[in-house]
Protein backbone atom coordinates (compact mmCIF):
# COMPACT_ATOMS: atom_id res chain seq x y z
CA UNK A 1 0.00 0.00 0.00
CA UNK A 2 1.50 3.36 -1.00
CA UNK A 3 2.77 5.38 1.95
CA UNK A 4 3.24 2.35 4.17
CA UNK A 5 6.55 1.15 5.62
CA UNK A 6 6.24 -2.03 3.58
CA UNK A 7 5.81 -0.11 0.35
CA UNK A 8 8.73 2.20 1.13
CA UNK A 9 10.98 -0.78 1.89
CA UNK A 10 9.87 -2.49 -1.34
CA UNK A 11 10.59 0.66 -3.37
CA UNK A 12 14.05 0.93 -1.80
CA UNK A 13 14.68 -2.71 -2.71
CA UNK A 14 13.69 -2.06 -6.31
CA UNK A 15 16.12 0.89 -6.32
CA UNK A 16 18.90 -1.51 -5.21
CA UNK A 17 19.47 0.34 -1.93
CA UNK A 18 19.98 -2.94 -0.07
CA UNK A 19 20.45 -6.64 -0.66
CA UNK A 20 18.04 -9.30 0.48
CA UNK A 21 19.05 -12.82 1.49
CA UNK A 22 16.49 -15.47 0.62
CA UNK A 23 16.18 -19.22 0.95
CA UNK A 24 13.59 -21.42 -0.76
CA UNK A 25 11.72 -21.72 2.54
CA UNK A 26 11.45 -17.94 2.79
CA UNK A 27 10.30 -17.60 -0.81
CA UNK A 28 7.57 -20.19 -0.20
CA UNK A 29 6.41 -18.30 2.89
CA UNK A 30 6.39 -14.97 1.05
CA UNK A 31 4.36 -16.55 -1.75
CA UNK A 32 1.87 -18.03 0.71
CA UNK A 33 1.39 -14.73 2.56
CA UNK A 34 1.06 -12.66 -0.62
CA UNK A 35 -1.43 -15.15 -2.09
CA UNK A 36 -3.61 -14.94 1.01
CA UNK A 37 -3.33 -11.16 1.43
CA UNK A 38 -3.71 -10.25 -2.25
CA UNK A 39 -3.98 -12.99 -4.89
CA UNK A 40 -1.99 -15.63 -6.78
CA UNK A 41 -1.08 -13.31 -9.66
CA UNK A 42 0.44 -10.67 -7.39
CA UNK A 43 2.26 -13.35 -5.40
CA UNK A 44 3.74 -14.85 -8.56
CA UNK A 45 4.76 -11.43 -9.88
CA UNK A 46 6.51 -10.40 -6.66
CA UNK A 47 8.31 -13.75 -6.30
CA UNK A 48 9.46 -13.59 -9.94
CA UNK A 49 10.77 -10.06 -9.41
CA UNK A 50 12.60 -11.14 -6.26
CA UNK A 51 14.22 -14.13 -7.96
CA UNK A 52 15.35 -12.05 -10.96
CA UNK A 53 16.59 -9.11 -8.91
CA UNK A 54 20.34 -8.38 -8.95
CA UNK A 55 20.31 -7.52 -5.24
CA UNK A 56 19.20 -10.95 -4.04
CA UNK A 57 21.54 -13.37 -2.38
CA UNK A 58 20.17 -16.89 -2.70
CA UNK A 59 21.06 -18.96 0.36
CA UNK A 60 20.71 -22.66 1.10
CA UNK A 61 21.26 -23.10 4.84
CA UNK A 62 22.83 -26.48 5.59
CA UNK A 63 22.49 -26.16 9.34
CA UNK A 64 19.49 -25.48 11.58
CA UNK A 65 20.46 -23.34 14.57
CA UNK A 66 17.01 -23.56 16.24
CA UNK A 67 17.59 -20.37 18.21
CA UNK A 68 13.94 -19.28 18.36
CA UNK A 69 11.88 -21.62 20.51
CA UNK A 70 8.69 -19.56 20.90
CA UNK A 71 7.93 -19.79 17.16
CA UNK A 72 10.26 -22.33 15.51
CA UNK A 73 8.94 -21.42 12.05
CA UNK A 74 10.84 -18.11 12.36
CA UNK A 75 14.14 -20.01 12.42
CA UNK A 76 14.17 -20.13 8.61
CA UNK A 77 14.99 -16.40 8.66
CA UNK A 78 17.67 -16.81 11.33
CA UNK A 79 19.33 -19.72 9.52
CA UNK A 80 19.32 -17.77 6.26
CA UNK A 81 20.78 -14.64 7.89
CA UNK A 82 23.55 -16.54 9.65
CA UNK A 83 24.45 -18.55 6.54
CA UNK A 84 24.53 -15.41 4.40
CA UNK A 85 26.45 -13.34 6.94
CA UNK A 86 23.65 -10.77 6.83
CA UNK A 87 24.07 -7.50 8.68
CA UNK A 88 20.67 -7.94 10.33
CA UNK A 89 17.19 -9.35 10.10
CA UNK A 90 14.38 -6.84 9.64
CA UNK A 91 11.25 -7.84 11.51
CA UNK A 92 8.68 -6.48 13.93
CA UNK A 93 7.94 -10.04 15.08
CA UNK A 94 8.38 -10.19 18.86
CA UNK A 95 9.75 -13.75 18.68
CA UNK A 96 13.04 -12.45 17.29
CA UNK A 97 13.74 -10.79 20.67
CA UNK A 98 14.88 -14.26 21.78
CA UNK A 99 18.01 -13.75 19.70
CA UNK A 100 19.28 -11.09 22.12
CA UNK A 101 20.33 -13.80 24.57
CA UNK A 102 22.89 -15.30 22.20
CA UNK A 103 26.42 -13.98 21.80
CA UNK A 104 27.15 -16.54 19.09
CA UNK A 105 25.99 -16.71 16.47
CA UNK A 106 25.16 -13.03 16.80
CA UNK A 107 22.11 -11.96 14.82
CA UNK A 108 21.11 -8.32 14.96
CA UNK A 109 17.40 -7.58 14.51
CA UNK A 110 16.04 -4.22 13.39
CA UNK A 111 12.46 -3.04 13.50
CA UNK A 112 10.93 -2.09 10.15
CA UNK A 113 10.88 1.63 10.99
CA UNK A 114 14.58 1.51 12.01
CA UNK A 115 15.50 -0.21 8.75
CA UNK A 116 13.49 2.26 6.73
CA UNK A 117 15.43 5.13 8.32
CA UNK A 118 18.72 3.39 7.45
CA UNK A 119 17.57 2.94 3.85
CA UNK A 120 16.39 6.55 3.60
CA UNK A 121 19.82 7.75 4.74
CA UNK A 122 21.59 5.87 1.91
């Protein structure tokens, strides 16, 4: 939706202001969410654009760290970030707060509004 944080982050992505690390599991989840929220056509279009984007790093995590216990499904993002050596995960999901207790592997989490400010300053 124009004017929303999500839209601003998407526009910054399309302007190559940041790189996004994705695994197949994450792509499947994005497709599922977009299909439910919008429709299959939009989901397919967004996934295709992601896959073809030059600022995507495709990651295939070989190890499951299982750092998030309150919502184990969120671990796909953690495993991808660690494997890719990502600077941080961007999420407003409260389950990622669990990561603060670990010194290794260190995964920094930023709220969407914090990330948007970083992107705007680029």
